[in-house]
Amino acid sequence: RFTISRDSAKNTVWLQMNNLKPEDTAIYYCNTYPP
């Protein structure tokens, strides 16, 4: 349901979330890995 895409030229990363469920309710953060 979730996947990440990125555009390095734009310095942007997206989290594509499909078919969302109530249990997906949260604050979402981006960070390096490891954080």
PDB file of all heavy atoms in Angstrom:
ATOM      1  N   ARG A   1       0.812  -1.222   0.000  1.00  0.00           N
ATOM      2  CA  ARG A   1       0.000   0.000   0.000  1.00  0.00           C
ATOM      3  C   ARG A   1       0.846   1.274   0.000  1.00  0.00           C
ATOM      4  O   ARG A   1       0.430   2.299  -0.526  1.00  0.00           O
ATOM      5  CB  ARG A   1      -0.924   0.014   1.218  1.00  0.00           C
ATOM      6  CG  ARG A   1      -1.907  -1.132   1.285  1.00  0.00           C
ATOM      7  CD  ARG A   1      -2.953  -0.909   2.368  1.00  0.00           C
ATOM      8  NE  ARG A   1      -2.389  -0.893   3.705  1.00  0.00           N
ATOM      9  CZ  ARG A   1      -2.452   0.164   4.542  1.00  0.00           C
ATOM     10  NH1 ARG A   1      -3.052   1.277   4.160  1.00  0.00           N
ATOM     11  NH2 ARG A   1      -1.930   0.078   5.752  1.00  0.00           N
ATOM     12  N   PHE A   2       2.031   1.219   0.613  1.00  0.00           N
ATOM     13  CA  PHE A   2       2.905   2.392   0.716  1.00  0.00           C
ATOM     14  C   PHE A   2       4.132   2.190  -0.149  1.00  0.00           C
ATOM     15  O   PHE A   2       4.661   1.081  -0.270  1.00  0.00           O
ATOM     16  CB  PHE A   2       3.375   2.592   2.167  1.00  0.00           C
ATOM     17  CG  PHE A   2       2.320   3.060   3.123  1.00  0.00           C
ATOM     18  CD1 PHE A   2       0.976   3.031   2.819  1.00  0.00           C
ATOM     19  CD2 PHE A   2       2.699   3.568   4.364  1.00  0.00           C
ATOM     20  CE1 PHE A   2       0.016   3.475   3.716  1.00  0.00           C
ATOM     21  CE2 PHE A   2       1.762   4.012   5.282  1.00  0.00           C
ATOM     22  CZ  PHE A   2       0.414   3.955   4.958  1.00  0.00           C
ATOM     23  N   THR A   3       4.612   3.267  -0.710  1.00  0.00           N
ATOM     24  CA  THR A   3       5.868   3.231  -1.441  1.00  0.00           C
ATOM     25  C   THR A   3       6.492   4.617  -1.422  1.00  0.00           C
ATOM     26  O   THR A   3       5.787   5.618  -1.267  1.00  0.00           O
ATOM     27  CB  THR A   3       5.666   2.750  -2.887  1.00  0.00           C
ATOM     28  OG1 THR A   3       6.944   2.560  -3.510  1.00  0.00           O
ATOM     29  CG2 THR A   3       4.871   3.759  -3.692  1.00  0.00           C
ATOM     30  N   ILE A   4       7.802   4.680  -1.553  1.00  0.00           N
ATOM     31  CA  ILE A   4       8.527   5.947  -1.568  1.00  0.00           C
ATOM     32  C   ILE A   4       9.003   6.260  -2.975  1.00  0.00           C
ATOM     33  O   ILE A   4       9.476   5.367  -3.695  1.00  0.00           O
ATOM     34  CB  ILE A   4       9.741   5.899  -0.614  1.00  0.00           C
ATOM     35  CG1 ILE A   4       9.283   5.872   0.844  1.00  0.00           C
ATOM     36  CG2 ILE A   4      10.663   7.085  -0.836  1.00  0.00           C
ATOM     37  CD1 ILE A   4      10.425   5.752   1.841  1.00  0.00           C
ATOM     38  N   SER A   5       8.869   7.507  -3.348  1.00  0.00           N
ATOM     39  CA  SER A   5       9.483   7.979  -4.582  1.00  0.00           C
ATOM     40  C   SER A   5      10.299   9.220  -4.242  1.00  0.00           C
ATOM     41  O   SER A   5      10.045   9.889  -3.243  1.00  0.00           O
ATOM     42  CB  SER A   5       8.428   8.302  -5.638  1.00  0.00           C
ATOM     43  OG  SER A   5       7.543   9.300  -5.175  1.00  0.00           O
ATOM     44  N   ARG A   6      11.304   9.518  -5.053  1.00  0.00           N
ATOM     45  CA  ARG A   6      12.147  10.665  -4.777  1.00  0.00           C
ATOM     46  C   ARG A   6      12.605  11.315  -6.070  1.00  0.00           C
ATOM     47  O   ARG A   6      12.709  10.664  -7.106  1.00  0.00           O
ATOM     48  CB  ARG A   6      13.346  10.279  -3.907  1.00  0.00           C
ATOM     49  CG  ARG A   6      14.328   9.328  -4.561  1.00  0.00           C
ATOM     50  CD  ARG A   6      15.367   8.864  -3.551  1.00  0.00           C
ATOM     51  NE  ARG A   6      16.184   9.971  -3.058  1.00  0.00           N
ATOM     52  CZ  ARG A   6      17.019   9.871  -2.026  1.00  0.00           C
ATOM     53  NH1 ARG A   6      17.135   8.738  -1.380  1.00  0.00           N
ATOM     54  NH2 ARG A   6      17.739  10.897  -1.646  1.00  0.00           N
ATOM     55  N   ASP A   7      12.838  12.601  -5.956  1.00  0.00           N
ATOM     56  CA  ASP A   7      13.392  13.377  -7.049  1.00  0.00           C
ATOM     57  C   ASP A   7      14.595  14.121  -6.474  1.00  0.00           C
ATOM     58  O   ASP A   7      14.430  15.154  -5.818  1.00  0.00           O
ATOM     59  CB  ASP A   7      12.348  14.344  -7.609  1.00  0.00           C
ATOM     60  CG  ASP A   7      12.834  15.078  -8.845  1.00  0.00           C
ATOM     61  OD1 ASP A   7      14.064  15.280  -8.990  1.00  0.00           O
ATOM     62  OD2 ASP A   7      11.989  15.462  -9.668  1.00  0.00           O
ATOM     63  N   SER A   8      15.763  13.591  -6.710  1.00  0.00           N
ATOM     64  CA  SER A   8      16.970  14.181  -6.125  1.00  0.00           C
ATOM     65  C   SER A   8      17.227  15.586  -6.641  1.00  0.00           C
ATOM     66  O   SER A   8      17.755  16.434  -5.923  1.00  0.00           O
ATOM     67  CB  SER A   8      18.176  13.285  -6.407  1.00  0.00           C
ATOM     68  OG  SER A   8      18.008  12.034  -5.778  1.00  0.00           O
ATOM     69  N   ALA A   9      16.837  15.853  -7.887  1.00  0.00           N
ATOM     70  CA  ALA A   9      17.040  17.189  -8.446  1.00  0.00           C
ATOM     71  C   ALA A   9      16.203  18.226  -7.699  1.00  0.00           C
ATOM     72  O   ALA A   9      16.593  19.391  -7.608  1.00  0.00           O
ATOM     73  CB  ALA A   9      16.689  17.190  -9.927  1.00  0.00           C
ATOM     74  N   LYS A  10      15.079  17.793  -7.163  1.00  0.00           N
ATOM     75  CA  LYS A  10      14.201  18.689  -6.405  1.00  0.00           C
ATOM     76  C   LYS A  10      14.396  18.548  -4.908  1.00  0.00           C
ATOM     77  O   LYS A  10      13.683  19.195  -4.137  1.00  0.00           O
ATOM     78  CB  LYS A  10      12.739  18.414  -6.775  1.00  0.00           C
ATOM     79  CG  LYS A  10      12.391  18.703  -8.219  1.00  0.00           C
ATOM     80  CD  LYS A  10      10.919  18.423  -8.476  1.00  0.00           C
ATOM     81  CE  LYS A  10      10.551  18.749  -9.925  1.00  0.00           C
ATOM     82  NZ  LYS A  10       9.119  18.468 -10.207  1.00  0.00           N
ATOM     83  N   ASN A  11      15.323  17.672  -4.495  1.00  0.00           N
ATOM     84  CA  ASN A  11      15.541  17.431  -3.062  1.00  0.00           C
ATOM     85  C   ASN A  11      14.234  17.100  -2.353  1.00  0.00           C
ATOM     86  O   ASN A  11      13.938  17.632  -1.276  1.00  0.00           O
ATOM     87  CB  ASN A  11      16.206  18.639  -2.406  1.00  0.00           C
ATOM     88  CG  ASN A  11      17.610  18.865  -2.903  1.00  0.00           C
ATOM     89  OD1 ASN A  11      18.271  17.939  -3.363  1.00  0.00           O
ATOM     90  ND2 ASN A  11      18.068  20.092  -2.832  1.00  0.00           N
ATOM     91  N   THR A  12      13.451  16.236  -2.945  1.00  0.00           N
ATOM     92  CA  THR A  12      12.130  15.914  -2.402  1.00  0.00           C
ATOM     93  C   THR A  12      11.900  14.408  -2.455  1.00  0.00           C
ATOM     94  O   THR A  12      12.285  13.733  -3.418  1.00  0.00           O
ATOM     95  CB  THR A  12      11.020  16.635  -3.173  1.00  0.00           C
ATOM     96  OG1 THR A  12      11.252  18.040  -3.133  1.00  0.00           O
ATOM     97  CG2 THR A  12       9.657  16.334  -2.555  1.00  0.00           C
ATOM     98  N   VAL A  13      11.279  13.919  -1.386  1.00  0.00           N
ATOM     99  CA  VAL A  13      10.883  12.517  -1.286  1.00  0.00           C
ATOM    100  C   VAL A  13       9.390  12.487  -0.964  1.00  0.00           C
ATOM    101  O   VAL A  13       8.920  13.289  -0.151  1.00  0.00           O
ATOM    102  CB  VAL A  13      11.687  11.795  -0.188  1.00  0.00           C
ATOM    103  CG1 VAL A  13      11.161  10.385   0.018  1.00  0.00           C
ATOM    104  CG2 VAL A  13      13.168  11.753  -0.530  1.00  0.00           C
ATOM    105  N   TRP A  14       8.668  11.582  -1.568  1.00  0.00           N
ATOM    106  CA  TRP A  14       7.244  11.440  -1.316  1.00  0.00           C
ATOM    107  C   TRP A  14       6.949  10.058  -0.746  1.00  0.00           C
ATOM    108  O   TRP A  14       7.629   9.084  -1.072  1.00  0.00           O
ATOM    109  CB  TRP A  14       6.441  11.597  -2.612  1.00  0.00           C
ATOM    110  CG  TRP A  14       6.524  12.943  -3.216  1.00  0.00           C
ATOM    111  CD1 TRP A  14       5.702  14.007  -2.981  1.00  0.00           C
ATOM    112  CD2 TRP A  14       7.456  13.392  -4.198  1.00  0.00           C
ATOM    113  NE1 TRP A  14       6.062  15.087  -3.751  1.00  0.00           N
ATOM    114  CE2 TRP A  14       7.154  14.738  -4.508  1.00  0.00           C
ATOM    115  CE3 TRP A  14       8.531  12.791  -4.848  1.00  0.00           C
ATOM    116  CZ2 TRP A  14       7.880  15.493  -5.427  1.00  0.00           C
ATOM    117  CZ3 TRP A  14       9.265  13.536  -5.765  1.00  0.00           C
ATOM    118  CH2 TRP A  14       8.939  14.871  -6.041  1.00  0.00           C
ATOM    119  N   LEU A  15       5.910   9.989   0.074  1.00  0.00           N
ATOM    120  CA  LEU A  15       5.408   8.714   0.566  1.00  0.00           C
ATOM    121  C   LEU A  15       4.018   8.521  -0.023  1.00  0.00           C
ATOM    122  O   LEU A  15       3.064   9.172   0.401  1.00  0.00           O
ATOM    123  CB  LEU A  15       5.342   8.694   2.099  1.00  0.00           C
ATOM    124  CG  LEU A  15       4.772   7.407   2.713  1.00  0.00           C
ATOM    125  CD1 LEU A  15       5.699   6.225   2.408  1.00  0.00           C
ATOM    126  CD2 LEU A  15       4.585   7.564   4.219  1.00  0.00           C
ATOM    127  N   GLN A  16       3.917   7.663  -1.002  1.00  0.00           N
ATOM    128  CA  GLN A  16       2.628   7.371  -1.614  1.00  0.00           C
ATOM    129  C   GLN A  16       1.904   6.353  -0.747  1.00  0.00           C
ATOM    130  O   GLN A  16       2.404   5.240  -0.542  1.00  0.00           O
ATOM    131  CB  GLN A  16       2.817   6.817  -3.029  1.00  0.00           C
ATOM    132  CG  GLN A  16       1.520   6.394  -3.715  1.00  0.00           C
ATOM    133  CD  GLN A  16       0.609   7.563  -4.034  1.00  0.00           C
ATOM    134  OE1 GLN A  16       1.051   8.577  -4.555  1.00  0.00           O
ATOM    135  NE2 GLN A  16      -0.667   7.435  -3.702  1.00  0.00           N
ATOM    136  N   MET A  17       0.732   6.754  -0.248  1.00  0.00           N
ATOM    137  CA  MET A  17      -0.048   5.886   0.631  1.00  0.00           C
ATOM    138  C   MET A  17      -1.399   5.635  -0.013  1.00  0.00           C
ATOM    139  O   MET A  17      -2.167   6.572  -0.251  1.00  0.00           O
ATOM    140  CB  MET A  17      -0.229   6.538   2.010  1.00  0.00           C
ATOM    141  CG  MET A  17       1.080   6.926   2.666  1.00  0.00           C
ATOM    142  SD  MET A  17       0.873   7.488   4.380  1.00  0.00           S
ATOM    143  CE  MET A  17      -0.033   9.010   4.109  1.00  0.00           C
ATOM    144  N   ASN A  18      -1.689   4.387  -0.286  1.00  0.00           N
ATOM    145  CA  ASN A  18      -2.949   3.996  -0.921  1.00  0.00           C
ATOM    146  C   ASN A  18      -3.795   3.151   0.019  1.00  0.00           C
ATOM    147  O   ASN A  18      -3.281   2.535   0.958  1.00  0.00           O
ATOM    148  CB  ASN A  18      -2.666   3.206  -2.203  1.00  0.00           C
ATOM    149  CG  ASN A  18      -1.910   4.016  -3.233  1.00  0.00           C
ATOM    150  OD1 ASN A  18      -2.174   5.200  -3.440  1.00  0.00           O
ATOM    151  ND2 ASN A  18      -0.962   3.387  -3.898  1.00  0.00           N
ATOM    152  N   ASN A  19      -5.087   3.118  -0.262  1.00  0.00           N
ATOM    153  CA  ASN A  19      -6.021   2.297   0.528  1.00  0.00           C
ATOM    154  C   ASN A  19      -5.794   2.508   2.024  1.00  0.00           C
ATOM    155  O   ASN A  19      -5.608   1.544   2.783  1.00  0.00           O
ATOM    156  CB  ASN A  19      -5.856   0.823   0.153  1.00  0.00           C
ATOM    157  CG  ASN A  19      -6.932  -0.051   0.750  1.00  0.00           C
ATOM    158  OD1 ASN A  19      -8.025   0.421   1.089  1.00  0.00           O
ATOM    159  ND2 ASN A  19      -6.639  -1.329   0.913  1.00  0.00           N
ATOM    160  N   LEU A  20      -5.823   3.740   2.436  1.00  0.00           N
ATOM    161  CA  LEU A  20      -5.519   4.069   3.823  1.00  0.00           C
ATOM    162  C   LEU A  20      -6.556   3.498   4.773  1.00  0.00           C
ATOM    163  O   LEU A  20      -7.750   3.390   4.436  1.00  0.00           O
ATOM    164  CB  LEU A  20      -5.412   5.580   3.994  1.00  0.00           C
ATOM    165  CG  LEU A  20      -4.076   6.150   3.509  1.00  0.00           C
ATOM    166  CD1 LEU A  20      -4.185   7.641   3.244  1.00  0.00           C
ATOM    167  CD2 LEU A  20      -2.980   5.865   4.527  1.00  0.00           C
ATOM    168  N   LYS A  21      -6.087   3.142   5.962  1.00  0.00           N
ATOM    169  CA  LYS A  21      -6.934   2.537   6.990  1.00  0.00           C
ATOM    170  C   LYS A  21      -6.880   3.394   8.250  1.00  0.00           C
ATOM    171  O   LYS A  21      -5.898   4.123   8.464  1.00  0.00           O
ATOM    172  CB  LYS A  21      -6.428   1.129   7.290  1.00  0.00           C
ATOM    173  CG  LYS A  21      -6.384   0.225   6.066  1.00  0.00           C
ATOM    174  CD  LYS A  21      -5.791  -1.139   6.404  1.00  0.00           C
ATOM    175  CE  LYS A  21      -5.744  -2.038   5.166  1.00  0.00           C
ATOM    176  NZ  LYS A  21      -5.200  -3.377   5.478  1.00  0.00           N
ATOM    177  N   PRO A  22      -7.897   3.301   9.100  1.00  0.00           N
ATOM    178  CA  PRO A  22      -7.865   4.088  10.340  1.00  0.00           C
ATOM    179  C   PRO A  22      -6.604   3.848  11.164  1.00  0.00           C
ATOM    180  O   PRO A  22      -6.114   4.778  11.816  1.00  0.00           O
ATOM    181  CB  PRO A  22      -9.118   3.602  11.079  1.00  0.00           C
ATOM    182  CG  PRO A  22     -10.053   3.218   9.983  1.00  0.00           C
ATOM    183  CD  PRO A  22      -9.171   2.598   8.923  1.00  0.00           C
ATOM    184  N   GLU A  23      -6.066   2.636  11.131  1.00  0.00           N
ATOM    185  CA  GLU A  23      -4.851   2.352  11.900  1.00  0.00           C
ATOM    186  C   GLU A  23      -3.614   3.025  11.332  1.00  0.00           C
ATOM    187  O   GLU A  23      -2.531   2.969  11.928  1.00  0.00           O
ATOM    188  CB  GLU A  23      -4.619   0.839  12.023  1.00  0.00           C
ATOM    189  CG  GLU A  23      -4.632   0.094  10.709  1.00  0.00           C
ATOM    190  CD  GLU A  23      -5.983  -0.536  10.403  1.00  0.00           C
ATOM    191  OE1 GLU A  23      -7.025   0.130  10.663  1.00  0.00           O
ATOM    192  OE2 GLU A  23      -6.002  -1.677   9.899  1.00  0.00           O
ATOM    193  N   ASP A  24      -3.728   3.652  10.167  1.00  0.00           N
ATOM    194  CA  ASP A  24      -2.621   4.431   9.609  1.00  0.00           C
ATOM    195  C   ASP A  24      -2.581   5.851  10.197  1.00  0.00           C
ATOM    196  O   ASP A  24      -1.657   6.611   9.902  1.00  0.00           O
ATOM    197  CB  ASP A  24      -2.738   4.529   8.084  1.00  0.00           C
ATOM    198  CG  ASP A  24      -2.592   3.182   7.398  1.00  0.00           C
ATOM    199  OD1 ASP A  24      -1.735   2.385   7.836  1.00  0.00           O
ATOM    200  OD2 ASP A  24      -3.352   2.923   6.443  1.00  0.00           O
ATOM    201  N   THR A  25      -3.564   6.189  10.990  1.00  0.00           N
ATOM    202  CA  THR A  25      -3.600   7.514  11.613  1.00  0.00           C
ATOM    203  C   THR A  25      -2.374   7.714  12.492  1.00  0.00           C
ATOM    204  O   THR A  25      -2.088   6.910  13.382  1.00  0.00           O
ATOM    205  CB  THR A  25      -4.877   7.679  12.447  1.00  0.00           C
ATOM    206  OG1 THR A  25      -6.008   7.656  11.575  1.00  0.00           O
ATOM    207  CG2 THR A  25      -4.851   8.988  13.223  1.00  0.00           C
ATOM    208  N   ALA A  26      -1.625   8.772  12.222  1.00  0.00           N
ATOM    209  CA  ALA A  26      -0.381   9.031  12.939  1.00  0.00           C
ATOM    210  C   ALA A  26       0.217  10.345  12.450  1.00  0.00           C
ATOM    211  O   ALA A  26      -0.256  10.922  11.462  1.00  0.00           O
ATOM    212  CB  ALA A  26       0.621   7.902  12.717  1.00  0.00           C
ATOM    213  N   ILE A  27       1.245  10.780  13.150  1.00  0.00           N
ATOM    214  CA  ILE A  27       2.088  11.858  12.629  1.00  0.00           C
ATOM    215  C   ILE A  27       3.208  11.182  11.841  1.00  0.00           C
ATOM    216  O   ILE A  27       3.875  10.283  12.356  1.00  0.00           O
ATOM    217  CB  ILE A  27       2.668  12.727  13.756  1.00  0.00           C
ATOM    218  CG1 ILE A  27       1.543  13.376  14.554  1.00  0.00           C
ATOM    219  CG2 ILE A  27       3.584  13.799  13.166  1.00  0.00           C
ATOM    220  CD1 ILE A  27       2.012  14.129  15.771  1.00  0.00           C
ATOM    221  N   TYR A  28       3.406  11.625  10.626  1.00  0.00           N
ATOM    222  CA  TYR A  28       4.406  11.036   9.749  1.00  0.00           C
ATOM    223  C   TYR A  28       5.607  11.963   9.646  1.00  0.00           C
ATOM    224  O   TYR A  28       5.469  13.166   9.441  1.00  0.00           O
ATOM    225  CB  TYR A  28       3.808  10.768   8.367  1.00  0.00           C
ATOM    226  CG  TYR A  28       2.915   9.556   8.356  1.00  0.00           C
ATOM    227  CD1 TYR A  28       1.651   9.598   8.934  1.00  0.00           C
ATOM    228  CD2 TYR A  28       3.342   8.350   7.793  1.00  0.00           C
ATOM    229  CE1 TYR A  28       0.837   8.473   8.947  1.00  0.00           C
ATOM    230  CE2 TYR A  28       2.529   7.229   7.795  1.00  0.00           C
ATOM    231  CZ  TYR A  28       1.279   7.298   8.374  1.00  0.00           C
ATOM    232  OH  TYR A  28       0.469   6.170   8.397  1.00  0.00           O
ATOM    233  N   TYR A  29       6.782  11.368   9.786  1.00  0.00           N
ATOM    234  CA  TYR A  29       8.043  12.098   9.750  1.00  0.00           C
ATOM    235  C   TYR A  29       8.958  11.500   8.694  1.00  0.00           C
ATOM    236  O   TYR A  29       8.941  10.291   8.449  1.00  0.00           O
ATOM    237  CB  TYR A  29       8.779  11.988  11.091  1.00  0.00           C
ATOM    238  CG  TYR A  29       8.026  12.416  12.306  1.00  0.00           C
ATOM    239  CD1 TYR A  29       7.178  11.544  12.981  1.00  0.00           C
ATOM    240  CD2 TYR A  29       8.172  13.716  12.815  1.00  0.00           C
ATOM    241  CE1 TYR A  29       6.494  11.937  14.118  1.00  0.00           C
ATOM    242  CE2 TYR A  29       7.493  14.119  13.952  1.00  0.00           C
ATOM    243  CZ  TYR A  29       6.662  13.220  14.598  1.00  0.00           C
ATOM    244  OH  TYR A  29       5.991  13.622  15.723  1.00  0.00           O
ATOM    245  N   CYS A  30       9.789  12.324   8.112  1.00  0.00           N
ATOM    246  CA  CYS A  30      10.877  11.806   7.296  1.00  0.00           C
ATOM    247  C   CYS A  30      12.185  12.068   8.026  1.00  0.00           C
ATOM    248  O   CYS A  30      12.309  13.004   8.818  1.00  0.00           O
ATOM    249  CB  CYS A  30      10.897  12.434   5.900  1.00  0.00           C
ATOM    250  SG  CYS A  30      11.150  14.207   5.858  1.00  0.00           S
ATOM    251  N   ASN A  31      13.143  11.236   7.768  1.00  0.00           N
ATOM    252  CA  ASN A  31      14.458  11.351   8.382  1.00  0.00           C
ATOM    253  C   ASN A  31      15.405  10.491   7.565  1.00  0.00           C
ATOM    254  O   ASN A  31      14.991   9.743   6.687  1.00  0.00           O
ATOM    255  CB  ASN A  31      14.420  10.866   9.839  1.00  0.00           C
ATOM    256  CG  ASN A  31      15.555  11.439  10.670  1.00  0.00           C
ATOM    257  OD1 ASN A  31      16.679  11.558  10.212  1.00  0.00           O
ATOM    258  ND2 ASN A  31      15.252  11.824  11.905  1.00  0.00           N
ATOM    259  N   THR A  32      16.647  10.600   7.849  1.00  0.00           N
ATOM    260  CA  THR A  32      17.602   9.706   7.209  1.00  0.00           C
ATOM    261  C   THR A  32      17.398   8.294   7.751  1.00  0.00           C
ATOM    262  O   THR A  32      16.681   8.084   8.732  1.00  0.00           O
ATOM    263  CB  THR A  32      19.037  10.155   7.496  1.00  0.00           C
ATOM    264  OG1 THR A  32      19.218  10.200   8.923  1.00  0.00           O
ATOM    265  CG2 THR A  32      19.301  11.535   6.927  1.00  0.00           C
ATOM    266  N   TYR A  33      18.015   7.336   7.092  1.00  0.00           N
ATOM    267  CA  TYR A  33      18.023   5.970   7.616  1.00  0.00           C
ATOM    268  C   TYR A  33      19.480   5.535   7.732  1.00  0.00           C
ATOM    269  O   TYR A  33      20.195   5.533   6.729  1.00  0.00           O
ATOM    270  CB  TYR A  33      17.282   5.001   6.705  1.00  0.00           C
ATOM    271  CG  TYR A  33      17.347   3.589   7.223  1.00  0.00           C
ATOM    272  CD1 TYR A  33      16.442   3.144   8.182  1.00  0.00           C
ATOM    273  CD2 TYR A  33      18.348   2.715   6.807  1.00  0.00           C
ATOM    274  CE1 TYR A  33      16.517   1.867   8.691  1.00  0.00           C
ATOM    275  CE2 TYR A  33      18.444   1.436   7.307  1.00  0.00           C
ATOM    276  CZ  TYR A  33      17.530   1.013   8.256  1.00  0.00           C
ATOM    277  OH  TYR A  33      17.621  -0.242   8.771  1.00  0.00           O
ATOM    278  N   PRO A  34      19.901   5.202   8.955  1.00  0.00           N
ATOM    279  CA  PRO A  34      19.161   5.294  10.210  1.00  0.00           C
ATOM    280  C   PRO A  34      18.883   6.750  10.579  1.00  0.00           C
ATOM    281  O   PRO A  34      19.539   7.653  10.057  1.00  0.00           O
ATOM    282  CB  PRO A  34      20.100   4.630  11.221  1.00  0.00           C
ATOM    283  CG  PRO A  34      21.456   4.790  10.638  1.00  0.00           C
ATOM    284  CD  PRO A  34      21.278   4.713   9.155  1.00  0.00           C
ATOM    285  N   PRO A  35      17.928   6.969  11.463  1.00  0.00           N
ATOM    286  CA  PRO A  35      17.526   8.347  11.751  1.00  0.00           C
ATOM    287  C   PRO A  35      18.572   9.117  12.547  1.00  0.00           C
ATOM    288  O   PRO A  35      19.333   8.542  13.316  1.00  0.00           O
ATOM    289  CB  PRO A  35      16.245   8.158  12.578  1.00  0.00           C
ATOM    290  CG  PRO A  35      16.398   6.819  13.221  1.00  0.00           C
ATOM    291  CD  PRO A  35      17.130   5.974  12.224  1.00  0.00           C
TER     292      PRO A  35
END
